[in-house]
Amino acid sequence: MVNGKKIRQLREERGVTLEYVAKLVGLSQNMLTYVETGLRQPSVESLERIAGFFEVKVDDLLISTA
């Protein structure tokens, strides 16, 4: 499961808008909002693009179950 709070945290730390990130990773602003709030899960491809944008591993964006 994707950790939307982590994505929001990374976005806010970098001082970029939801609209900016959504556009660069190929998601609608609404979809990225849903991901950040935990209402929707992105596709694997979208998650990889989000991780690439923030220069983190996909694993860093997942909720740890350990």
PDB file of N, CA and C in Angstrom:
ATOM      1  N   MET A   1       0.839  -1.180   0.000  1.00  0.00           N
ATOM      2  CA  MET A   1       0.000   0.000   0.000  1.00  0.00           C
ATOM      3  C   MET A   1       0.891   1.253   0.000  1.00  0.00           C
ATOM      4  N   VAL A   2       0.495   2.225  -0.766  1.00  0.00           N
ATOM      5  CA  VAL A   2       1.268   3.452  -0.914  1.00  0.00           C
ATOM      6  C   VAL A   2       1.048   4.369   0.292  1.00  0.00           C
ATOM      7  N   ASN A   3       2.131   4.977   0.752  1.00  0.00           N
ATOM      8  CA  ASN A   3       2.080   5.914   1.858  1.00  0.00           C
ATOM      9  C   ASN A   3       1.887   7.334   1.302  1.00  0.00           C
ATOM     10  N   GLY A   4       0.635   7.726   1.156  1.00  0.00           N
ATOM     11  CA  GLY A   4       0.318   9.041   0.606  1.00  0.00           C
ATOM     12  C   GLY A   4       0.857  10.176   1.435  1.00  0.00           C
ATOM     13  N   LYS A   5       0.905   9.982   2.751  1.00  0.00           N
ATOM     14  CA  LYS A   5       1.438  11.034   3.637  1.00  0.00           C
ATOM     15  C   LYS A   5       2.913  11.279   3.338  1.00  0.00           C
ATOM     16  N   LYS A   6       3.644  10.219   3.002  1.00  0.00           N
ATOM     17  CA  LYS A   6       5.059  10.354   2.660  1.00  0.00           C
ATOM     18  C   LYS A   6       5.214  11.137   1.359  1.00  0.00           C
ATOM     19  N   ILE A   7       4.359  10.856   0.386  1.00  0.00           N
ATOM     20  CA  ILE A   7       4.415  11.592  -0.879  1.00  0.00           C
ATOM     21  C   ILE A   7       4.140  13.072  -0.630  1.00  0.00           C
ATOM     22  N   ARG A   8       3.125  13.367   0.156  1.00  0.00           N
ATOM     23  CA  ARG A   8       2.817  14.764   0.477  1.00  0.00           C
ATOM     24  C   ARG A   8       3.986  15.417   1.209  1.00  0.00           C
ATOM     25  N   GLN A   9       4.582  14.695   2.158  1.00  0.00           N
ATOM     26  CA  GLN A   9       5.715  15.226   2.909  1.00  0.00           C
ATOM     27  C   GLN A   9       6.873  15.576   1.970  1.00  0.00           C
ATOM     28  N   LEU A  10       7.193  14.671   1.072  1.00  0.00           N
ATOM     29  CA  LEU A  10       8.277  14.924   0.118  1.00  0.00           C
ATOM     30  C   LEU A  10       7.963  16.138  -0.747  1.00  0.00           C
ATOM     31  N   ARG A  11       6.730  16.223  -1.201  1.00  0.00           N
ATOM     32  CA  ARG A  11       6.331  17.346  -2.056  1.00  0.00           C
ATOM     33  C   ARG A  11       6.454  18.666  -1.299  1.00  0.00           C
ATOM     34  N   GLU A  12       5.972  18.696  -0.065  1.00  0.00           N
ATOM     35  CA  GLU A  12       6.026  19.931   0.718  1.00  0.00           C
ATOM     36  C   GLU A  12       7.464  20.303   1.092  1.00  0.00           C
ATOM     37  N   GLU A  13       8.301  19.309   1.407  1.00  0.00           N
ATOM     38  CA  GLU A  13       9.710  19.572   1.723  1.00  0.00           C
ATOM     39  C   GLU A  13      10.433  20.208   0.548  1.00  0.00           C
ATOM     40  N   ARG A  14      10.041  19.823  -0.648  1.00  0.00           N
ATOM     41  CA  ARG A  14      10.686  20.364  -1.852  1.00  0.00           C
ATOM     42  C   ARG A  14      10.027  21.649  -2.342  1.00  0.00           C
ATOM     43  N   GLY A  15       8.931  22.008  -1.712  1.00  0.00           N
ATOM     44  CA  GLY A  15       8.275  23.267  -2.047  1.00  0.00           C
ATOM     45  C   GLY A  15       7.637  23.280  -3.426  1.00  0.00           C
ATOM     46  N   VAL A  16       7.139  22.121  -3.861  1.00  0.00           N
ATOM     47  CA  VAL A  16       6.488  22.067  -5.167  1.00  0.00           C
ATOM     48  C   VAL A  16       4.991  21.841  -4.990  1.00  0.00           C
ATOM     49  N   THR A  17       4.234  22.316  -5.952  1.00  0.00           N
ATOM     50  CA  THR A  17       2.781  22.213  -5.862  1.00  0.00           C
ATOM     51  C   THR A  17       2.300  20.849  -6.334  1.00  0.00           C
ATOM     52  N   LEU A  18       1.125  20.507  -5.894  1.00  0.00           N
ATOM     53  CA  LEU A  18       0.459  19.287  -6.328  1.00  0.00           C
ATOM     54  C   LEU A  18       0.302  19.300  -7.845  1.00  0.00           C
ATOM     55  N   GLU A  19      -0.091  20.430  -8.375  1.00  0.00           N
ATOM     56  CA  GLU A  19      -0.299  20.572  -9.821  1.00  0.00           C
ATOM     57  C   GLU A  19       0.998  20.297 -10.591  1.00  0.00           C
ATOM     58  N   TYR A  20       2.108  20.824 -10.099  1.00  0.00           N
ATOM     59  CA  TYR A  20       3.405  20.660 -10.746  1.00  0.00           C
ATOM     60  C   TYR A  20       3.819  19.194 -10.776  1.00  0.00           C
ATOM     61  N   VAL A  21       3.739  18.525  -9.631  1.00  0.00           N
ATOM     62  CA  VAL A  21       4.132  17.118  -9.556  1.00  0.00           C
ATOM     63  C   VAL A  21       3.221  16.275 -10.443  1.00  0.00           C
ATOM     64  N   ALA A  22       1.925  16.503 -10.345  1.00  0.00           N
ATOM     65  CA  ALA A  22       0.967  15.732 -11.138  1.00  0.00           C
ATOM     66  C   ALA A  22       1.283  15.837 -12.631  1.00  0.00           C
ATOM     67  N   LYS A  23       1.548  17.034 -13.075  1.00  0.00           N
ATOM     68  CA  LYS A  23       1.839  17.253 -14.498  1.00  0.00           C
ATOM     69  C   LYS A  23       3.102  16.503 -14.920  1.00  0.00           C
ATOM     70  N   LEU A  24       4.151  16.570 -14.107  1.00  0.00           N
ATOM     71  CA  LEU A  24       5.418  15.946 -14.477  1.00  0.00           C
ATOM     72  C   LEU A  24       5.379  14.419 -14.406  1.00  0.00           C
ATOM     73  N   VAL A  25       4.534  13.858 -13.558  1.00  0.00           N
ATOM     74  CA  VAL A  25       4.466  12.396 -13.458  1.00  0.00           C
ATOM     75  C   VAL A  25       3.320  11.806 -14.269  1.00  0.00           C
ATOM     76  N   GLY A  26       2.545  12.664 -14.934  1.00  0.00           N
ATOM     77  CA  GLY A  26       1.505  12.184 -15.831  1.00  0.00           C
ATOM     78  C   GLY A  26       0.212  11.765 -15.152  1.00  0.00           C
ATOM     79  N   LEU A  27      -0.108  12.395 -14.026  1.00  0.00           N
ATOM     80  CA  LEU A  27      -1.363  12.132 -13.327  1.00  0.00           C
ATOM     81  C   LEU A  27      -2.207  13.396 -13.323  1.00  0.00           C
ATOM     82  N   SER A  28      -3.504  13.217 -13.156  1.00  0.00           N
ATOM     83  CA  SER A  28      -4.334  14.399 -12.962  1.00  0.00           C
ATOM     84  C   SER A  28      -4.099  14.909 -11.543  1.00  0.00           C
ATOM     85  N   GLN A  29      -4.372  16.169 -11.340  1.00  0.00           N
ATOM     86  CA  GLN A  29      -4.222  16.756 -10.013  1.00  0.00           C
ATOM     87  C   GLN A  29      -5.151  16.037  -9.023  1.00  0.00           C
ATOM     88  N   ASN A  30      -6.357  15.708  -9.480  1.00  0.00           N
ATOM     89  CA  ASN A  30      -7.296  14.995  -8.616  1.00  0.00           C
ATOM     90  C   ASN A  30      -6.749  13.630  -8.205  1.00  0.00           C
ATOM     91  N   MET A  31      -6.186  12.908  -9.153  1.00  0.00           N
ATOM     92  CA  MET A  31      -5.661  11.581  -8.832  1.00  0.00           C
ATOM     93  C   MET A  31      -4.535  11.670  -7.823  1.00  0.00           C
ATOM     94  N   LEU A  32      -3.638  12.627  -7.990  1.00  0.00           N
ATOM     95  CA  LEU A  32      -2.536  12.768  -7.032  1.00  0.00           C
ATOM     96  C   LEU A  32      -3.074  13.155  -5.657  1.00  0.00           C
ATOM     97  N   THR A  33      -4.107  13.967  -5.622  1.00  0.00           N
ATOM     98  CA  THR A  33      -4.755  14.300  -4.347  1.00  0.00           C
ATOM     99  C   THR A  33      -5.301  13.038  -3.700  1.00  0.00           C
ATOM    100  N   TYR A  34      -5.961  12.194  -4.485  1.00  0.00           N
ATOM    101  CA  TYR A  34      -6.499  10.938  -3.956  1.00  0.00           C
ATOM    102  C   TYR A  34      -5.385  10.036  -3.426  1.00  0.00           C
ATOM    103  N   VAL A  35      -4.256  10.004  -4.116  1.00  0.00           N
ATOM    104  CA  VAL A  35      -3.122   9.190  -3.676  1.00  0.00           C
ATOM    105  C   VAL A  35      -2.585   9.727  -2.350  1.00  0.00           C
ATOM    106  N   GLU A  36      -2.397  11.035  -2.276  1.00  0.00           N
ATOM    107  CA  GLU A  36      -1.857  11.631  -1.052  1.00  0.00           C
ATOM    108  C   GLU A  36      -2.782  11.437   0.146  1.00  0.00           C
ATOM    109  N   THR A  37      -4.071  11.400  -0.088  1.00  0.00           N
ATOM    110  CA  THR A  37      -5.024  11.246   1.018  1.00  0.00           C
ATOM    111  C   THR A  37      -5.390   9.781   1.265  1.00  0.00           C
ATOM    112  N   GLY A  38      -4.847   8.872   0.482  1.00  0.00           N
ATOM    113  CA  GLY A  38      -5.083   7.452   0.687  1.00  0.00           C
ATOM    114  C   GLY A  38      -6.387   6.929   0.122  1.00  0.00           C
ATOM    115  N   LEU A  39      -7.061   7.735  -0.685  1.00  0.00           N
ATOM    116  CA  LEU A  39      -8.334   7.296  -1.263  1.00  0.00           C
ATOM    117  C   LEU A  39      -8.161   6.403  -2.481  1.00  0.00           C
ATOM    118  N   ARG A  40      -7.018   6.526  -3.151  1.00  0.00           N
ATOM    119  CA  ARG A  40      -6.747   5.716  -4.352  1.00  0.00           C
ATOM    120  C   ARG A  40      -5.294   5.260  -4.322  1.00  0.00           C
ATOM    121  N   GLN A  41      -5.024   4.187  -5.013  1.00  0.00           N
ATOM    122  CA  GLN A  41      -3.667   3.674  -5.167  1.00  0.00           C
ATOM    123  C   GLN A  41      -3.234   3.905  -6.618  1.00  0.00           C
ATOM    124  N   PRO A  42      -2.038   4.421  -6.817  1.00  0.00           N
ATOM    125  CA  PRO A  42      -1.574   4.634  -8.191  1.00  0.00           C
ATOM    126  C   PRO A  42      -1.174   3.305  -8.824  1.00  0.00           C
ATOM    127  N   SER A  43      -1.102   3.299 -10.138  1.00  0.00           N
ATOM    128  CA  SER A  43      -0.589   2.118 -10.844  1.00  0.00           C
ATOM    129  C   SER A  43       0.895   1.988 -10.517  1.00  0.00           C
ATOM    130  N   VAL A  44       1.447   0.826 -10.799  1.00  0.00           N
ATOM    131  CA  VAL A  44       2.872   0.600 -10.569  1.00  0.00           C
ATOM    132  C   VAL A  44       3.692   1.603 -11.378  1.00  0.00           C
ATOM    133  N   GLU A  45       3.273   1.834 -12.619  1.00  0.00           N
ATOM    134  CA  GLU A  45       3.999   2.770 -13.475  1.00  0.00           C
ATOM    135  C   GLU A  45       3.960   4.189 -12.894  1.00  0.00           C
ATOM    136  N   SER A  46       2.812   4.603 -12.414  1.00  0.00           N
ATOM    137  CA  SER A  46       2.698   5.939 -11.826  1.00  0.00           C
ATOM    138  C   SER A  46       3.533   6.047 -10.564  1.00  0.00           C
ATOM    139  N   LEU A  47       3.521   4.995  -9.751  1.00  0.00           N
ATOM    140  CA  LEU A  47       4.320   4.996  -8.531  1.00  0.00           C
ATOM    141  C   LEU A  47       5.807   5.098  -8.857  1.00  0.00           C
ATOM    142  N   GLU A  48       6.234   4.408  -9.900  1.00  0.00           N
ATOM    143  CA  GLU A  48       7.635   4.492 -10.323  1.00  0.00           C
ATOM    144  C   GLU A  48       7.988   5.906 -10.780  1.00  0.00           C
ATOM    145  N   ARG A  49       7.071   6.567 -11.487  1.00  0.00           N
ATOM    146  CA  ARG A  49       7.323   7.949 -11.930  1.00  0.00           C
ATOM    147  C   ARG A  49       7.366   8.907 -10.738  1.00  0.00           C
ATOM    148  N   ILE A  50       6.497   8.700  -9.762  1.00  0.00           N
ATOM    149  CA  ILE A  50       6.501   9.538  -8.556  1.00  0.00           C
ATOM    150  C   ILE A  50       7.824   9.356  -7.809  1.00  0.00           C
ATOM    151  N   ALA A  51       8.236   8.110  -7.629  1.00  0.00           N
ATOM    152  CA  ALA A  51       9.510   7.835  -6.954  1.00  0.00           C
ATOM    153  C   ALA A  51      10.672   8.468  -7.715  1.00  0.00           C
ATOM    154  N   GLY A  52      10.648   8.363  -9.030  1.00  0.00           N
ATOM    155  CA  GLY A  52      11.698   8.970  -9.835  1.00  0.00           C
ATOM    156  C   GLY A  52      11.739  10.480  -9.688  1.00  0.00           C
ATOM    157  N   PHE A  53      10.571  11.105  -9.662  1.00  0.00           N
ATOM    158  CA  PHE A  53      10.516  12.554  -9.497  1.00  0.00           C
ATOM    159  C   PHE A  53      11.168  12.977  -8.191  1.00  0.00           C
ATOM    160  N   PHE A  54      10.870  12.243  -7.120  1.00  0.00           N
ATOM    161  CA  PHE A  54      11.412  12.602  -5.807  1.00  0.00           C
ATOM    162  C   PHE A  54      12.785  11.991  -5.531  1.00  0.00           C
ATOM    163  N   GLU A  55      13.303  11.229  -6.507  1.00  0.00           N
ATOM    164  CA  GLU A  55      14.616  10.590  -6.396  1.00  0.00           C
ATOM    165  C   GLU A  55      14.713   9.707  -5.161  1.00  0.00           C
ATOM    166  N   VAL A  56      13.674   8.879  -4.977  1.00  0.00           N
ATOM    167  CA  VAL A  56      13.649   7.901  -3.894  1.00  0.00           C
ATOM    168  C   VAL A  56      13.302   6.541  -4.498  1.00  0.00           C
ATOM    169  N   LYS A  57      13.495   5.495  -3.724  1.00  0.00           N
ATOM    170  CA  LYS A  57      13.116   4.151  -4.160  1.00  0.00           C
ATOM    171  C   LYS A  57      11.603   3.991  -3.983  1.00  0.00           C
ATOM    172  N   VAL A  58      11.001   3.170  -4.812  1.00  0.00           N
ATOM    173  CA  VAL A  58       9.571   2.878  -4.692  1.00  0.00           C
ATOM    174  C   VAL A  58       9.277   2.387  -3.278  1.00  0.00           C
ATOM    175  N   ASP A  59      10.158   1.556  -2.735  1.00  0.00           N
ATOM    176  CA  ASP A  59       9.966   1.029  -1.377  1.00  0.00           C
ATOM    177  C   ASP A  59       9.798   2.147  -0.339  1.00  0.00           C
ATOM    178  N   ASP A  60      10.446   3.288  -0.587  1.00  0.00           N
ATOM    179  CA  ASP A  60      10.348   4.408   0.350  1.00  0.00           C
ATOM    180  C   ASP A  60       8.953   5.010   0.381  1.00  0.00           C
ATOM    181  N   LEU A  61       8.146   4.720  -0.631  1.00  0.00           N
ATOM    182  CA  LEU A  61       6.800   5.280  -0.727  1.00  0.00           C
ATOM    183  C   LEU A  61       5.714   4.295  -0.296  1.00  0.00           C
ATOM    184  N   LEU A  62       6.141   3.150   0.191  1.00  0.00           N
ATOM    185  CA  LEU A  62       5.195   2.132   0.612  1.00  0.00           C
ATOM    186  C   LEU A  62       5.083   2.111   2.138  1.00  0.00           C
ATOM    187  N   ILE A  63       3.922   1.728   2.618  1.00  0.00           N
ATOM    188  CA  ILE A  63       3.710   1.603   4.066  1.00  0.00           C
ATOM    189  C   ILE A  63       4.364   0.313   4.516  1.00  0.00           C
ATOM    190  N   SER A  64       5.213   0.427   5.514  1.00  0.00           N
ATOM    191  CA  SER A  64       5.896  -0.735   6.050  1.00  0.00           C
ATOM    192  C   SER A  64       4.944  -1.570   6.879  1.00  0.00           C
ATOM    193  N   THR A  65       4.946  -2.872   6.638  1.00  0.00           N
ATOM    194  CA  THR A  65       4.077  -3.767   7.402  1.00  0.00           C
ATOM    195  C   THR A  65       4.865  -4.526   8.465  1.00  0.00           C
ATOM    196  N   ALA A  66       6.145  -4.218   8.578  1.00  0.00           N
ATOM    197  CA  ALA A  66       6.994  -4.922   9.557  1.00  0.00           C
ATOM    198  C   ALA A  66       6.872  -4.306  10.924  1.00  0.00           C
TER     199      ALA A  66
END
